[in-house]
Amino acid sequence: MAGHLELVETPDGGFRILVLDGSDALMGLSKRFSSLDEAVEGVAAMREVAGTGLLRTGSAERYAVLMLQEPVIDPALAAQDIQTKPKVVGHDN
């Protein structure tokens, strides 16, 4: 099951990295980056972690703390049954 990363512009002018599986189902969503350069660096970091990082288990408390620090779901992405093609930076849609 091949997947891909998509670098998308958010409604507020920031950027996020989407991790999608082979059928375009959302598997992961990065934090919000304030510039395109930051987001490109985030892609490189995400690739490094995905390729070499160890898998660790975490607690529900850790998840809750992370969600308080940086809510990862943009309102535009929150509606799961709405399938839209995001604007991909650097490509014509």
Protein backbone atom coordinates (compact mmCIF):
# COMPACT_ATOMS: atom_id res chain seq x y z
CA MET A 1 0.00 0.00 0.00
CA ALA A 2 1.93 2.99 -1.28
CA GLY A 3 1.10 6.37 0.09
CA HIS A 4 2.35 9.90 -0.17
CA LEU A 5 2.83 13.20 1.61
CA GLU A 6 0.98 16.32 0.54
CA LEU A 7 2.05 19.81 1.46
CA VAL A 8 -1.12 21.90 1.65
CA GLU A 9 -1.89 25.52 2.37
CA THR A 10 -4.35 25.96 5.23
CA PRO A 11 -7.28 28.41 5.18
CA ASP A 12 -5.38 30.74 7.54
CA GLY A 13 -2.32 30.98 5.26
CA GLY A 14 -0.17 28.40 7.03
CA PHE A 15 0.94 25.01 5.80
CA ARG A 16 0.49 21.40 6.93
CA ILE A 17 1.78 18.06 5.76
CA LEU A 18 -0.82 15.37 5.14
CA VAL A 19 0.18 11.71 5.29
CA LEU A 20 -2.12 9.75 2.97
CA ASP A 21 -2.30 6.03 2.27
CA GLY A 22 -2.65 4.48 -1.19
CA SER A 23 -6.39 5.15 -1.27
CA ASP A 24 -6.00 8.81 -0.16
CA ALA A 25 -7.22 8.13 3.39
CA LEU A 26 -5.73 10.55 5.92
CA MET A 27 -3.24 8.71 8.13
CA GLY A 28 -1.49 11.67 9.73
CA LEU A 29 -1.46 15.44 9.91
CA SER A 30 1.49 17.61 10.85
CA LYS A 31 1.54 20.63 13.07
CA ARG A 32 0.88 23.98 11.40
CA PHE A 33 3.88 25.66 9.83
CA SER A 34 3.82 29.42 9.34
CA SER A 35 5.89 29.48 6.14
CA LEU A 36 6.55 27.32 3.11
CA ASP A 37 10.24 27.06 4.03
CA GLU A 38 9.33 25.75 7.51
CA ALA A 39 6.94 23.23 5.97
CA VAL A 40 9.59 21.95 3.55
CA GLU A 41 11.94 21.47 6.51
CA GLY A 42 9.08 19.66 8.25
CA VAL A 43 8.76 17.26 5.30
CA ALA A 44 12.47 16.43 5.58
CA ALA A 45 12.13 15.87 9.33
CA MET A 46 9.02 13.72 8.86
CA ARG A 47 10.82 11.54 6.30
CA GLU A 48 13.76 11.11 8.66
CA VAL A 49 11.54 10.11 11.59
CA ALA A 50 9.42 7.77 9.46
CA GLY A 51 12.50 6.07 8.05
CA THR A 52 14.61 5.73 11.17
CA GLY A 53 12.52 6.59 14.22
CA LEU A 54 11.63 4.04 16.87
CA LEU A 55 8.00 3.22 17.60
CA ARG A 56 7.10 3.99 21.21
CA THR A 57 3.81 3.66 23.03
CA GLY A 58 2.25 6.68 24.66
CA SER A 59 -0.51 7.26 27.16
CA ALA A 60 -3.88 8.93 26.82
CA GLU A 61 -2.49 11.69 29.05
CA ARG A 62 0.37 12.37 26.62
CA TYR A 63 -2.12 12.55 23.75
CA ALA A 64 -4.28 15.02 25.70
CA VAL A 65 -1.27 17.24 26.44
CA LEU A 66 -0.24 17.26 22.78
CA MET A 67 -3.76 18.19 21.70
CA LEU A 68 -3.80 21.10 24.15
CA GLN A 69 -0.46 22.38 22.84
CA GLU A 70 -1.32 22.15 19.13
CA PRO A 71 -4.77 21.11 17.96
CA VAL A 72 -3.94 19.22 14.78
CA ILE A 73 -7.30 19.19 13.04
CA ASP A 74 -8.16 22.31 11.08
CA PRO A 75 -11.89 23.05 10.95
CA ALA A 76 -11.69 22.62 7.17
CA LEU A 77 -10.39 19.06 7.62
CA ALA A 78 -12.60 18.08 10.53
CA ALA A 79 -15.59 16.92 8.46
CA GLN A 80 -14.53 13.35 7.69
CA ASP A 81 -17.22 12.58 5.11
CA ILE A 82 -16.34 15.53 2.89
CA GLN A 83 -13.76 14.51 0.29
CA THR A 84 -12.05 17.52 -1.24
CA LYS A 85 -8.83 17.77 -3.15
CA PRO A 86 -6.52 20.09 -1.20
CA LYS A 87 -4.46 22.73 -2.93
CA VAL A 88 -1.00 21.24 -3.33
CA VAL A 89 1.76 23.78 -3.13
CA GLY A 90 3.87 23.91 -6.29
CA HIS A 91 1.39 22.03 -8.48
CA ASP A 92 -1.50 23.15 -10.63
CA ASN A 93 -4.77 21.48 -9.55
